[in-house]
N, C-alpha and C. Protein backbone atom coordinates (compact mmCIF):
# COMPACT_ATOMS: atom_id res chain seq x y z
N GLN A 1 -19.06 1.93 19.67
CA GLN A 1 -18.34 2.15 18.38
C GLN A 1 -17.08 0.47 17.78
N VAL A 2 -17.13 0.78 16.56
CA VAL A 2 -16.34 -0.21 16.15
C VAL A 2 -14.99 0.49 14.95
N GLN A 3 -14.37 -0.02 15.87
CA GLN A 3 -13.22 0.60 14.48
C GLN A 3 -12.26 -1.18 13.62
N LEU A 4 -12.27 -0.81 12.39
CA LEU A 4 -11.73 -0.80 11.10
C LEU A 4 -10.44 -0.86 10.71
N VAL A 5 -9.92 -1.82 10.61
CA VAL A 5 -8.16 -1.23 9.80
C VAL A 5 -7.87 -2.64 8.75
N GLU A 6 -7.71 -2.32 7.72
CA GLU A 6 -8.02 -2.70 7.05
C GLU A 6 -6.30 -3.34 6.66
N SER A 7 -6.07 -4.31 5.65
CA SER A 7 -3.87 -4.46 5.56
C SER A 7 -4.29 -5.57 4.64
N GLY A 8 -3.46 -5.68 4.27
CA GLY A 8 -3.20 -6.43 2.93
C GLY A 8 -2.94 -6.16 1.22
N GLY A 9 -3.28 -5.00 1.35
CA GLY A 9 -3.42 -4.22 -0.34
C GLY A 9 -2.04 -4.25 -0.93
N GLY A 10 -2.44 -3.90 -2.28
CA GLY A 10 -0.43 -3.95 -3.00
C GLY A 10 -1.00 -4.06 -4.61
N LEU A 11 0.37 -4.30 -5.03
CA LEU A 11 0.93 -4.37 -5.78
C LEU A 11 0.74 -5.82 -6.76
N VAL A 12 0.18 -6.57 -7.57
CA VAL A 12 -0.20 -7.57 -8.50
C VAL A 12 -0.32 -7.99 -9.61
N GLN A 13 0.24 -8.90 -10.11
CA GLN A 13 0.46 -8.79 -11.98
C GLN A 13 -1.25 -10.06 -12.74
N ALA A 14 -1.54 -9.59 -13.48
CA ALA A 14 -3.51 -10.53 -13.71
C ALA A 14 -3.08 -12.27 -13.15
N GLY A 15 -3.99 -12.59 -12.99
CA GLY A 15 -3.36 -14.01 -12.19
C GLY A 15 -3.14 -14.14 -10.66
N GLY A 16 -2.48 -13.05 -10.39
CA GLY A 16 -2.44 -13.54 -8.77
C GLY A 16 -3.26 -13.07 -8.03
N SER A 17 -2.42 -13.39 -6.73
CA SER A 17 -3.49 -13.35 -5.42
C SER A 17 -3.08 -12.56 -4.53
N LEU A 18 -4.19 -11.80 -4.14
CA LEU A 18 -4.27 -11.06 -2.47
C LEU A 18 -5.33 -12.02 -1.65
N ARG A 19 -4.24 -11.13 -0.33
CA ARG A 19 -5.29 -12.10 0.79
C ARG A 19 -5.62 -10.57 1.48
N LEU A 20 -6.66 -9.78 1.91
CA LEU A 20 -6.52 -8.60 2.73
C LEU A 20 -7.21 -9.55 3.48
N SER A 21 -7.09 -8.37 4.94
CA SER A 21 -8.01 -8.20 5.98
C SER A 21 -8.14 -7.47 6.72
N CYS A 22 -9.14 -7.50 7.44
CA CYS A 22 -9.63 -6.03 8.35
C CYS A 22 -9.76 -6.77 10.28
N ALA A 23 -9.06 -6.22 10.81
CA ALA A 23 -9.33 -5.97 12.47
C ALA A 23 -9.92 -4.74 13.23
N ALA A 24 -11.11 -5.56 13.45
CA ALA A 24 -11.53 -4.59 14.44
C ALA A 24 -11.56 -5.23 15.93
N SER A 25 -12.06 -3.67 16.11
CA SER A 25 -12.21 -3.70 17.12
C SER A 25 -13.05 -3.57 18.48
N GLY A 26 -13.10 -4.29 19.70
CA GLY A 26 -14.90 -3.88 20.07
C GLY A 26 -14.77 -5.79 20.61
N ARG A 27 -15.44 -5.89 21.70
CA ARG A 27 -15.91 -7.65 22.29
C ARG A 27 -17.04 -7.55 21.58
N THR A 28 -18.20 -7.35 20.50
CA THR A 28 -19.28 -7.69 19.89
C THR A 28 -19.39 -8.39 18.50
N PHE A 29 -17.73 -9.17 17.87
CA PHE A 29 -17.30 -8.94 16.55
C PHE A 29 -18.58 -10.09 16.13
N ASN A 30 -18.92 -11.16 17.53
CA ASN A 30 -20.24 -11.90 15.80
C ASN A 30 -20.95 -10.93 16.06
N ARG A 31 -21.67 -10.65 16.75
CA ARG A 31 -23.14 -9.26 15.89
C ARG A 31 -23.05 -9.20 15.14
N TYR A 32 -21.96 -8.80 14.40
CA TYR A 32 -21.73 -7.32 13.01
C TYR A 32 -21.80 -8.81 12.27
N ALA A 33 -22.15 -8.26 10.93
CA ALA A 33 -22.82 -8.51 8.85
C ALA A 33 -20.83 -7.68 8.74
N MET A 34 -19.70 -8.45 8.54
CA MET A 34 -18.82 -7.87 8.12
C MET A 34 -19.25 -8.32 6.24
N GLY A 35 -18.42 -6.95 5.55
CA GLY A 35 -18.27 -6.81 4.43
C GLY A 35 -17.25 -6.05 3.54
N TRP A 36 -17.17 -6.33 2.59
CA TRP A 36 -16.38 -6.13 1.54
C TRP A 36 -16.79 -5.02 0.59
N PHE A 37 -15.78 -4.09 0.06
CA PHE A 37 -16.44 -2.92 -0.84
C PHE A 37 -15.76 -2.35 -1.32
N ARG A 38 -15.30 -1.93 -2.25
CA ARG A 38 -14.32 -1.14 -3.72
C ARG A 38 -14.95 -0.33 -4.14
N GLN A 39 -13.78 0.49 -3.82
CA GLN A 39 -14.14 1.57 -5.29
C GLN A 39 -13.03 2.45 -6.08
N ALA A 40 -13.03 2.08 -7.79
CA ALA A 40 -12.24 2.51 -8.64
C ALA A 40 -12.27 3.94 -8.67
N PRO A 41 -11.46 4.68 -9.50
CA PRO A 41 -11.21 5.47 -9.63
C PRO A 41 -12.51 6.20 -10.18
N GLY A 42 -12.78 7.11 -10.44
CA GLY A 42 -13.94 7.56 -11.07
C GLY A 42 -15.40 6.85 -10.99
N LYS A 43 -15.34 5.89 -9.98
CA LYS A 43 -16.54 4.93 -10.04
C LYS A 43 -17.43 5.05 -8.73
N VAL A 44 -18.26 4.97 -8.48
CA VAL A 44 -19.32 4.34 -7.07
C VAL A 44 -18.33 3.49 -6.35
N ARG A 45 -18.55 2.93 -5.38
CA ARG A 45 -17.79 2.29 -4.38
C ARG A 45 -19.57 0.90 -5.25
N GLU A 46 -18.88 -0.34 -4.60
CA GLU A 46 -19.40 -1.20 -5.90
C GLU A 46 -19.41 -2.46 -4.17
N PHE A 47 -20.41 -2.97 -3.86
CA PHE A 47 -20.70 -4.10 -3.21
C PHE A 47 -19.03 -5.41 -3.76
N VAL A 48 -18.59 -5.89 -2.78
CA VAL A 48 -17.91 -6.86 -2.79
C VAL A 48 -18.31 -8.27 -2.51
N ALA A 49 -18.23 -8.60 -1.53
CA ALA A 49 -18.26 -9.92 -0.24
C ALA A 49 -19.25 -9.62 0.73
N VAL A 50 -20.08 -10.42 1.26
CA VAL A 50 -20.09 -9.90 3.06
C VAL A 50 -20.44 -11.47 3.54
N ILE A 51 -20.35 -11.69 4.72
CA ILE A 51 -20.26 -12.74 5.79
C ILE A 51 -21.23 -12.13 7.26
N SER A 52 -22.41 -13.49 7.72
CA SER A 52 -22.70 -12.88 8.51
C SER A 52 -22.19 -13.02 9.62
N GLY A 53 -22.24 -12.74 10.78
CA GLY A 53 -21.61 -12.65 12.07
C GLY A 53 -21.08 -14.32 12.23
N SER A 54 -21.65 -14.88 12.37
CA SER A 54 -21.86 -16.64 12.12
C SER A 54 -20.72 -17.37 10.98
N GLY A 55 -20.96 -16.34 9.50
CA GLY A 55 -19.88 -17.24 8.92
C GLY A 55 -20.90 -17.95 8.21
N VAL A 56 -22.37 -18.11 8.46
CA VAL A 56 -23.26 -19.13 7.79
C VAL A 56 -23.30 -18.40 6.25
N GLY A 57 -23.69 -17.16 6.60
CA GLY A 57 -24.07 -16.34 5.55
C GLY A 57 -23.16 -15.18 4.74
N ILE A 58 -22.71 -15.92 3.40
CA ILE A 58 -21.93 -15.73 2.25
C ILE A 58 -22.73 -15.38 1.50
N TYR A 59 -22.03 -13.78 0.74
CA TYR A 59 -22.72 -13.90 -0.50
C TYR A 59 -22.37 -12.87 -1.48
N TYR A 60 -22.38 -13.27 -3.03
CA TYR A 60 -20.84 -12.66 -3.55
C TYR A 60 -21.79 -11.90 -4.68
N PRO A 61 -21.35 -10.68 -5.73
CA PRO A 61 -21.90 -10.09 -6.80
C PRO A 61 -20.69 -11.26 -7.71
N ASP A 62 -21.33 -11.61 -8.93
CA ASP A 62 -21.24 -12.41 -10.42
C ASP A 62 -19.72 -11.94 -10.50
N SER A 63 -19.31 -10.92 -10.08
CA SER A 63 -17.98 -10.06 -10.60
C SER A 63 -16.81 -11.22 -10.22
N VAL A 64 -17.25 -11.35 -8.82
CA VAL A 64 -16.14 -11.94 -8.93
C VAL A 64 -16.60 -13.38 -7.52
N LYS A 65 -17.60 -13.77 -8.40
CA LYS A 65 -17.95 -15.32 -7.46
C LYS A 65 -17.55 -16.03 -7.94
N GLY A 66 -16.84 -17.14 -7.46
CA GLY A 66 -15.83 -17.85 -7.76
C GLY A 66 -13.71 -17.47 -7.30
N ARG A 67 -13.45 -16.43 -7.99
CA ARG A 67 -12.36 -15.95 -7.91
C ARG A 67 -12.55 -15.13 -5.92
N PHE A 68 -12.73 -14.94 -5.02
CA PHE A 68 -13.11 -14.58 -3.64
C PHE A 68 -13.58 -14.58 -3.53
N THR A 69 -13.14 -14.80 -2.03
CA THR A 69 -13.69 -16.18 -0.62
C THR A 69 -13.39 -14.90 0.96
N ILE A 70 -14.63 -14.08 1.11
CA ILE A 70 -15.02 -14.00 2.61
C ILE A 70 -15.08 -14.75 3.14
N SER A 71 -14.10 -14.93 4.16
CA SER A 71 -13.85 -16.17 5.34
C SER A 71 -14.00 -14.22 6.96
N ARG A 72 -14.06 -15.38 7.89
CA ARG A 72 -13.92 -14.48 9.30
C ARG A 72 -13.22 -15.56 10.12
N ASP A 73 -12.46 -14.95 11.50
CA ASP A 73 -12.20 -15.17 12.27
C ASP A 73 -12.51 -14.63 13.89
N ASN A 74 -13.94 -14.84 14.44
CA ASN A 74 -14.73 -13.86 15.53
C ASN A 74 -13.43 -13.95 17.12
N ALA A 75 -12.85 -14.93 17.41
CA ALA A 75 -11.58 -15.49 18.27
C ALA A 75 -10.95 -14.19 17.87
N LYS A 76 -10.50 -13.87 16.74
CA LYS A 76 -9.29 -12.59 16.38
C LYS A 76 -9.69 -11.17 16.03
N ASN A 77 -11.72 -11.31 15.80
CA ASN A 77 -11.97 -10.53 15.42
C ASN A 77 -11.37 -9.91 13.96
N THR A 78 -11.55 -10.83 13.27
CA THR A 78 -10.66 -10.18 11.84
C THR A 78 -11.42 -11.02 10.62
N VAL A 79 -11.93 -10.57 9.74
CA VAL A 79 -12.43 -10.50 8.42
C VAL A 79 -11.74 -10.82 7.96
N TYR A 80 -11.22 -11.64 6.24
CA TYR A 80 -10.10 -11.54 5.29
C TYR A 80 -11.25 -11.54 3.74
N LEU A 81 -10.62 -11.33 3.45
CA LEU A 81 -10.85 -11.60 1.84
C LEU A 81 -9.72 -12.02 1.05
N GLN A 82 -10.32 -13.51 0.25
CA GLN A 82 -9.03 -14.13 0.08
C GLN A 82 -9.21 -13.97 -1.26
N MET A 83 -8.66 -13.18 -2.21
CA MET A 83 -8.75 -13.13 -4.35
C MET A 83 -8.03 -13.84 -5.03
N ASN A 84 -8.35 -14.20 -5.54
CA ASN A 84 -7.66 -14.77 -6.33
C ASN A 84 -8.19 -14.72 -8.15
N SER A 85 -7.33 -14.84 -9.39
CA SER A 85 -7.65 -14.54 -10.60
C SER A 85 -7.80 -13.58 -10.63
N LEU A 86 -7.06 -12.28 -9.84
CA LEU A 86 -7.88 -11.14 -10.53
C LEU A 86 -6.94 -10.69 -11.32
N LYS A 87 -8.00 -9.74 -11.35
CA LYS A 87 -8.03 -8.98 -13.37
C LYS A 87 -7.76 -7.25 -13.19
N PRO A 88 -6.73 -7.28 -14.00
CA PRO A 88 -6.46 -5.61 -13.86
C PRO A 88 -7.95 -4.23 -12.91
N GLU A 89 -9.27 -4.64 -13.61
CA GLU A 89 -10.40 -4.29 -13.39
C GLU A 89 -10.62 -4.51 -11.82
N ASP A 90 -10.20 -5.29 -11.46
CA ASP A 90 -9.85 -5.83 -9.67
C ASP A 90 -9.38 -4.32 -9.38
N THR A 91 -8.27 -3.23 -9.66
CA THR A 91 -8.18 -2.59 -9.32
C THR A 91 -9.22 -1.08 -8.40
N ALA A 92 -8.68 -1.01 -7.17
CA ALA A 92 -9.61 -0.54 -6.73
C ALA A 92 -9.61 0.36 -5.12
N VAL A 93 -9.45 0.67 -4.66
CA VAL A 93 -9.58 1.19 -2.83
C VAL A 93 -10.62 -0.61 -2.35
N TYR A 94 -10.26 -1.24 -1.70
CA TYR A 94 -10.82 -1.72 -0.81
C TYR A 94 -11.47 -2.09 0.56
N TYR A 95 -12.45 -1.48 0.83
CA TYR A 95 -13.46 -1.18 2.43
C TYR A 95 -14.02 -2.23 2.58
N CYS A 96 -13.62 -2.00 4.36
CA CYS A 96 -14.20 -3.11 4.56
C CYS A 96 -15.06 -2.38 6.13
N ALA A 97 -16.50 -2.55 6.28
CA ALA A 97 -17.42 -2.29 6.96
C ALA A 97 -18.25 -3.22 7.53
N ALA A 98 -19.13 -2.51 9.03
CA ALA A 98 -19.39 -3.50 10.09
C ALA A 98 -21.04 -3.58 9.53
N ASN A 99 -21.74 -4.00 10.10
CA ASN A 99 -23.02 -3.92 10.12
C ASN A 99 -23.87 -4.81 11.21
N ASN A 100 -24.48 -4.01 11.62
CA ASN A 100 -25.43 -4.31 13.19
C ASN A 100 -26.82 -4.58 13.11
N ARG A 101 -27.18 -4.96 10.85
CA ARG A 101 -28.77 -5.15 11.28
C ARG A 101 -29.26 -6.69 11.20
N PRO A 102 -30.55 -6.65 11.13
CA PRO A 102 -30.36 -8.53 10.91
C PRO A 102 -30.59 -8.48 9.21
N TRP A 103 -30.21 -9.95 9.01
CA TRP A 103 -29.05 -10.34 7.72
C TRP A 103 -30.24 -10.54 6.61
N SER A 104 -29.87 -9.84 5.44
CA SER A 104 -31.27 -9.76 5.07
C SER A 104 -30.67 -9.14 3.21
N ALA A 105 -31.24 -8.59 1.93
CA ALA A 105 -31.01 -8.64 1.50
C ALA A 105 -29.94 -7.20 1.08
N GLY A 106 -30.44 -6.75 2.37
CA GLY A 106 -29.85 -5.51 2.24
C GLY A 106 -28.96 -5.13 2.65
N VAL A 107 -27.64 -6.63 2.04
CA VAL A 107 -26.94 -6.84 3.39
C VAL A 107 -25.46 -5.96 2.08
N ARG A 108 -26.10 -6.45 0.75
CA ARG A 108 -25.54 -5.99 -0.19
C ARG A 108 -25.28 -4.65 -0.77
N TYR A 109 -26.12 -3.71 -0.08
CA TYR A 109 -25.71 -1.84 -0.15
C TYR A 109 -25.25 -1.53 0.90
N GLU A 110 -24.11 -0.22 0.87
CA GLU A 110 -23.27 0.03 1.59
C GLU A 110 -24.46 1.24 2.62
N ALA A 111 -25.73 1.54 2.42
CA ALA A 111 -26.19 2.08 3.05
C ALA A 111 -26.33 1.76 4.95
N GLU A 112 -26.60 -0.01 4.25
CA GLU A 112 -27.15 -0.92 5.69
C GLU A 112 -25.71 -0.96 6.75
N TYR A 113 -24.20 0.03 6.27
CA TYR A 113 -23.61 -0.46 7.22
C TYR A 113 -22.68 0.58 8.21
N ASP A 114 -22.90 -0.08 9.38
CA ASP A 114 -22.40 1.97 10.23
C ASP A 114 -21.18 2.17 10.35
N TYR A 115 -20.58 1.44 10.49
CA TYR A 115 -18.46 1.47 10.40
C TYR A 115 -17.94 1.19 9.24
N TRP A 116 -16.95 1.61 8.71
CA TRP A 116 -16.28 1.51 7.54
C TRP A 116 -14.46 2.11 8.67
N GLY A 117 -13.77 1.04 7.47
CA GLY A 117 -12.58 1.33 6.99
C GLY A 117 -11.46 2.79 6.53
N GLN A 118 -10.79 2.71 6.60
CA GLN A 118 -10.41 3.92 6.18
C GLN A 118 -9.75 3.05 4.23
N GLY A 119 -10.34 1.50 4.06
CA GLY A 119 -9.05 0.68 3.04
C GLY A 119 -7.95 1.09 2.35
N THR A 120 -7.27 0.15 1.65
CA THR A 120 -6.28 -0.11 1.21
C THR A 120 -6.52 -0.66 0.02
N GLN A 121 -5.41 -0.36 -0.69
CA GLN A 121 -5.69 -0.36 -2.19
C GLN A 121 -4.87 -1.48 -2.81
N VAL A 122 -5.65 -2.25 -3.93
CA VAL A 122 -5.47 -3.35 -4.61
C VAL A 122 -5.52 -2.48 -5.60
N THR A 123 -4.06 -2.98 -6.63
CA THR A 123 -3.44 -2.58 -7.85
C THR A 123 -3.54 -4.29 -8.74
N VAL A 124 -3.95 -4.25 -9.92
CA VAL A 124 -3.52 -5.45 -10.48
C VAL A 124 -3.27 -4.83 -11.90
N SER A 125 -1.70 -5.00 -12.46
CA SER A 125 -1.42 -4.79 -13.82
C SER A 125 -1.04 -5.99 -14.59
N SER A 126 -1.16 -5.53 -15.53
CA SER A 126 -1.58 -6.19 -16.67
C SER A 126 -0.57 -7.16 -17.34
């Protein structure tokens, strides 16, 4: 069982930055690929970033590539999402999730994830 708690959301102007954190419980954190997803009002939840347990594997969709950076500190059981050059369309609830399956193209899909945090709101004003 893994419990995830996100923090770091808030209100920021377009062009600004935020760093989200996700703290995980448990002693096997480095076995999990960690993903970030987001859900805007009236829209489906979408994939934002993923990092493998070792930190070597990283993947972003084109919508955030070059602006967002995912990282992790396995000693602190924490994964981060640095978000720069934020746009109003980045406004959403951001969720972190843990995936214990072998690394594959499936890490983009929320069905691959076993554990989810409660989410943190990010609002980008224009």
